C-alpha atoms as a PDB file:
ATOM      1  CA  UNK A   1      -3.811  -9.584   5.871  1.00  0.00           C
ATOM      2  CA  UNK A   2      -4.840  -6.933   8.355  1.00  0.00           C
ATOM      3  CA  UNK A   3      -6.830  -9.397  10.478  1.00  0.00           C
ATOM      4  CA  UNK A   4      -3.761 -11.616  10.697  1.00  0.00           C
ATOM      5  CA  UNK A   5      -1.518  -8.685  11.658  1.00  0.00           C
ATOM      6  CA  UNK A   6      -3.984  -7.584  14.340  1.00  0.00           C
ATOM      7  CA  UNK A   7      -4.155 -11.113  15.794  1.00  0.00           C
ATOM      8  CA  UNK A   8      -0.364 -11.159  15.938  1.00  0.00           C
ATOM      9  CA  UNK A   9      -0.407  -7.814  17.757  1.00  0.00           C
ATOM     10  CA  UNK A  10       1.366  -5.992  14.932  1.00  0.00           C
ATOM     11  CA  UNK A  11      -1.345  -3.434  14.185  1.00  0.00           C
ATOM     12  CA  UNK A  12      -3.327  -0.942  16.188  1.00  0.00           C
ATOM     13  CA  UNK A  13      -5.251   2.237  15.420  1.00  0.00           C
ATOM     14  CA  UNK A  14      -2.986   5.001  14.213  1.00  0.00           C
ATOM     15  CA  UNK A  15      -0.390   2.707  12.633  1.00  0.00           C
ATOM     16  CA  UNK A  16       0.441   2.595   8.929  1.00  0.00           C
ATOM     17  CA  UNK A  17      -0.346  -0.127   6.407  1.00  0.00           C
ATOM     18  CA  UNK A  18       2.224  -0.116   3.588  1.00  0.00           C
ATOM     19  CA  UNK A  19       1.862  -2.484   0.661  1.00  0.00           C
ATOM     20  CA  UNK A  20       3.180  -2.854  -2.869  1.00  0.00           C
ATOM     21  CA  UNK A  21       0.255  -3.747  -5.108  1.00  0.00           C
ATOM     22  CA  UNK A  22      -0.315  -4.649  -8.730  1.00  0.00           C
ATOM     23  CA  UNK A  23      -3.818  -6.100  -8.486  1.00  0.00           C
ATOM     24  CA  UNK A  24      -7.120  -5.672  -6.654  1.00  0.00           C
ATOM     25  CA  UNK A  25      -5.670  -6.419  -3.205  1.00  0.00           C
ATOM     26  CA  UNK A  26      -4.956  -2.717  -2.824  1.00  0.00           C
ATOM     27  CA  UNK A  27      -8.630  -1.815  -3.029  1.00  0.00           C
ATOM     28  CA  UNK A  28      -9.430  -4.063  -0.087  1.00  0.00           C
ATOM     29  CA  UNK A  29      -6.431  -2.861   1.911  1.00  0.00           C
ATOM     30  CA  UNK A  30      -7.356   0.779   1.313  1.00  0.00           C
ATOM     31  CA  UNK A  31     -10.941   0.213   2.408  1.00  0.00           C
ATOM     32  CA  UNK A  32     -10.099  -1.833   5.501  1.00  0.00           C
ATOM     33  CA  UNK A  33      -7.356   0.616   6.483  1.00  0.00           C
ATOM     34  CA  UNK A  34      -9.807   3.510   6.319  1.00  0.00           C
ATOM     35  CA  UNK A  35     -12.489   1.698   8.306  1.00  0.00           C
ATOM     36  CA  UNK A  36     -10.060   0.570  11.026  1.00  0.00           C
ATOM     37  CA  UNK A  37      -8.232   3.873  11.368  1.00  0.00           C
ATOM     38  CA  UNK A  38      -4.924   2.997   9.736  1.00  0.00           C
ATOM     39  CA  UNK A  39      -2.900   5.226   7.469  1.00  0.00           C
ATOM     40  CA  UNK A  40      -2.770   3.369   4.152  1.00  0.00           C
ATOM     41  CA  UNK A  41       0.167   3.818   1.797  1.00  0.00           C
ATOM     42  CA  UNK A  42      -0.021   1.819  -1.413  1.00  0.00           C
ATOM     43  CA  UNK A  43       2.904   1.659  -3.822  1.00  0.00           C
ATOM     44  CA  UNK A  44       2.076   0.632  -7.367  1.00  0.00           C
ATOM     45  CA  UNK A  45       3.579   0.566 -10.844  1.00  0.00           C
ATOM     46  CA  UNK A  46       2.542   3.212 -13.370  1.00  0.00           C
ATOM     47  CA  UNK A  47       0.690   0.599 -15.440  1.00  0.00           C
ATOM     48  CA  UNK A  48      -2.231   0.607 -12.962  1.00  0.00           C
ATOM     49  CA  UNK A  49      -5.282   2.313 -14.426  1.00  0.00           C
ATOM     50  CA  UNK A  50      -6.154   5.867 -13.494  1.00  0.00           C
ATOM     51  CA  UNK A  51      -9.608   4.687 -12.415  1.00  0.00           C
ATOM     52  CA  UNK A  52      -8.085   2.336  -9.852  1.00  0.00           C
ATOM     53  CA  UNK A  53      -5.762   5.065  -8.562  1.00  0.00           C
ATOM     54  CA  UNK A  54      -8.709   7.455  -8.143  1.00  0.00           C
ATOM     55  CA  UNK A  55     -10.657   4.763  -6.294  1.00  0.00           C
ATOM     56  CA  UNK A  56      -7.716   4.169  -3.943  1.00  0.00           C
ATOM     57  CA  UNK A  57      -7.581   7.907  -3.259  1.00  0.00           C
ATOM     58  CA  UNK A  58     -11.329   7.951  -2.657  1.00  0.00           C
ATOM     59  CA  UNK A  59     -10.849   5.233  -0.031  1.00  0.00           C
ATOM     60  CA  UNK A  60      -8.282   7.486   1.670  1.00  0.00           C
ATOM     61  CA  UNK A  61      -5.091   5.734   0.596  1.00  0.00           C
ATOM     62  CA  UNK A  62      -1.885   7.572  -0.102  1.00  0.00           C
ATOM     63  CA  UNK A  63      -0.716   6.363  -3.505  1.00  0.00           C
ATOM     64  CA  UNK A  64       2.883   6.287  -4.664  1.00  0.00           C
ATOM     65  CA  UNK A  65       3.403   5.452  -8.321  1.00  0.00           C
ATOM     66  CA  UNK A  66       6.694   3.959  -9.489  1.00  0.00           C
ATOM     67  CA  UNK A  67       7.980   3.298 -13.010  1.00  0.00           C
ATOM     68  CA  UNK A  68       6.666   0.089 -14.556  1.00  0.00           C
ATOM     69  CA  UNK A  69       9.891  -0.837 -16.354  1.00  0.00           C
ATOM     70  CA  UNK A  70      12.032  -1.166 -13.205  1.00  0.00           C
ATOM     71  CA  UNK A  71      13.116  -4.759 -12.434  1.00  0.00           C
ATOM     72  CA  UNK A  72      11.511  -6.027  -9.198  1.00  0.00           C
ATOM     73  CA  UNK A  73      14.826  -6.517  -7.397  1.00  0.00           C
ATOM     74  CA  UNK A  74      15.847  -2.852  -7.628  1.00  0.00           C
ATOM     75  CA  UNK A  75      15.120  -0.307  -4.869  1.00  0.00           C
ATOM     76  CA  UNK A  76      13.168   1.864  -7.345  1.00  0.00           C
ATOM     77  CA  UNK A  77      10.625  -0.916  -8.054  1.00  0.00           C
ATOM     78  CA  UNK A  78       7.273  -0.792  -6.338  1.00  0.00           C
ATOM     79  CA  UNK A  79       8.376  -3.622  -4.018  1.00  0.00           C
ATOM     80  CA  UNK A  80      11.629  -1.826  -3.229  1.00  0.00           C
ATOM     81  CA  UNK A  81       9.903   1.472  -2.494  1.00  0.00           C
ATOM     82  CA  UNK A  82       7.342  -0.229  -0.218  1.00  0.00           C
ATOM     83  CA  UNK A  83      10.117  -2.013   1.687  1.00  0.00           C
ATOM     84  CA  UNK A  84      12.023   1.252   2.164  1.00  0.00           C
ATOM     85  CA  UNK A  85       8.906   3.040   3.399  1.00  0.00           C
ATOM     86  CA  UNK A  86       8.187   0.212   5.826  1.00  0.00           C
ATOM     87  CA  UNK A  87      11.678   0.574   7.305  1.00  0.00           C
ATOM     88  CA  UNK A  88      11.389   4.363   7.530  1.00  0.00           C
ATOM     89  CA  UNK A  89       7.791   4.743   8.765  1.00  0.00           C
ATOM     90  CA  UNK A  90       6.914   1.763  10.936  1.00  0.00           C
END
């Protein structure tokens, strides 16, 4: 994902990677963001394990946890929060 964004000219050092995650993609994004100098913000539902959250923090990601029971089309869902942050930050 980051390679593709860099090829398209959408990313450069100092920018922010924002992603809603519910699986292991976040671990890779956090690691690559740290290595390439990006600020990584990962938005995830509360059902994600504490171990995974601690690992994301260890990789340098900022983690925002949203309620699990929110329908995906609402602004309070992890997708909705990530989309709002993308509009506000990037």
